[in-house]
Protein backbone atom coordinates (compact mmCIF):
# COMPACT_ATOMS: atom_id res chain seq x y z
CA MET A 1 -114.56 27.43 23.75
CA ALA A 2 -112.05 25.13 25.41
CA ASP A 3 -111.99 22.98 22.24
CA ASN A 4 -111.11 26.05 20.14
CA LEU A 5 -108.32 26.98 22.47
CA ILE A 6 -106.62 23.48 22.27
CA LYS A 7 -106.78 23.44 18.42
CA GLN A 8 -105.36 26.76 17.88
CA PRO A 9 -101.47 26.86 17.10
CA PHE A 10 -99.36 28.10 20.03
CA GLY A 11 -96.77 30.07 18.24
CA LEU A 12 -94.89 27.13 16.70
CA ASN A 13 -95.99 27.98 13.11
CA VAL A 14 -93.92 31.05 12.79
CA LYS A 15 -92.30 31.22 9.34
CA VAL A 16 -88.72 32.22 9.63
CA PRO A 17 -87.37 34.12 6.46
CA THR A 18 -84.85 32.54 4.25
CA LYS A 19 -82.39 35.26 4.84
CA THR A 20 -82.55 34.74 8.56
CA ILE A 21 -81.88 30.99 8.16
CA LYS A 22 -78.83 31.82 5.95
CA GLN A 23 -77.57 34.41 8.56
CA ILE A 24 -77.96 31.71 11.25
CA GLU A 25 -75.85 29.28 9.19
CA LYS A 26 -73.20 31.83 8.63
CA THR A 27 -73.03 32.73 12.29
CA ALA A 28 -72.96 29.09 13.28
CA GLY A 29 -70.19 28.51 10.79
CA GLY A 30 -68.27 31.46 12.12
CA THR A 31 -68.55 30.27 15.65
CA VAL A 32 -67.38 26.81 14.90
CA ASN A 33 -64.39 28.13 12.93
CA GLY A 34 -63.66 30.60 15.70
CA ILE A 35 -63.34 27.67 18.14
CA TRP A 36 -61.09 25.43 15.93
CA GLU A 37 -59.10 27.79 13.79
CA PRO A 38 -56.75 28.95 16.62
CA LEU A 39 -55.88 25.41 17.35
CA PHE A 40 -55.18 24.48 13.79
CA ASN A 41 -53.04 27.76 13.45
CA PHE A 42 -51.06 26.68 16.44
CA ILE A 43 -50.35 23.37 15.08
CA ASP A 44 -49.26 24.67 11.81
CA GLU A 45 -46.93 27.27 13.21
CA ASN A 46 -45.37 24.64 15.59
CA GLN A 47 -45.17 21.96 13.17
CA ASN A 48 -41.58 21.16 13.84
CA VAL A 49 -42.34 20.55 17.41
CA PHE A 50 -44.78 17.73 16.56
CA THR A 51 -42.83 16.13 13.91
CA GLY A 52 -39.71 15.81 16.11
CA ASN A 53 -37.46 18.26 14.09
CA VAL A 54 -36.87 20.40 17.29
CA SER A 55 -35.56 17.33 19.07
CA MET A 56 -33.22 16.72 16.22
CA GLN A 57 -32.10 20.20 16.30
CA ILE A 58 -31.42 19.98 19.94
CA ALA A 59 -29.47 16.72 19.69
CA LYS A 60 -27.41 18.24 16.91
CA TYR A 61 -26.54 21.22 18.99
CA ASN A 62 -25.83 19.07 22.11
CA ALA A 63 -23.40 16.96 19.89
CA MET A 64 -21.88 20.20 18.59
CA MET A 65 -21.26 21.48 22.07
CA TYR A 66 -19.77 18.14 23.32
CA ASN A 67 -17.35 17.92 20.31
CA ILE A 68 -16.31 21.65 20.85
CA GLY A 69 -15.81 21.07 24.62
CA ALA A 70 -14.05 17.73 24.10
CA ALA A 71 -11.67 19.40 21.61
CA LEU A 72 -10.96 22.40 23.89
CA ARG A 73 -10.41 19.94 26.76
CA ALA A 74 -7.85 17.91 24.81
CA ASP A 75 -6.30 21.10 23.44
CA SER A 76 -6.61 20.08 19.94
CA THR A 77 -8.33 23.18 18.33
CA ASN A 78 -6.42 22.87 15.13
CA GLY A 79 -9.65 22.16 13.26
CA GLY A 80 -9.58 18.33 13.46
CA PHE A 81 -12.92 17.94 14.86
CA ASP A 82 -16.51 18.19 13.16
CA VAL A 83 -18.70 21.12 14.30
CA LYS A 84 -21.51 20.13 12.09
CA GLY A 85 -22.99 17.64 14.49
């Protein structure tokens, strides 16, 4: 009797339907995309920050403010200075 008990399968030979396996793959794919997709969306939306375009814009506006301030301090507001940066 003990020999029969050892030779019998212990629940590991259960066949899983193909439909269930496909559902598991779909769920796993959705889970992985759910983790990484927000990060990639954030990077795409803020691409200018990572490429340095934002720092160039800040430098441009700082130069414009300096030029305008220098012209106003020198009292030469007749249009002889560059506001384009």
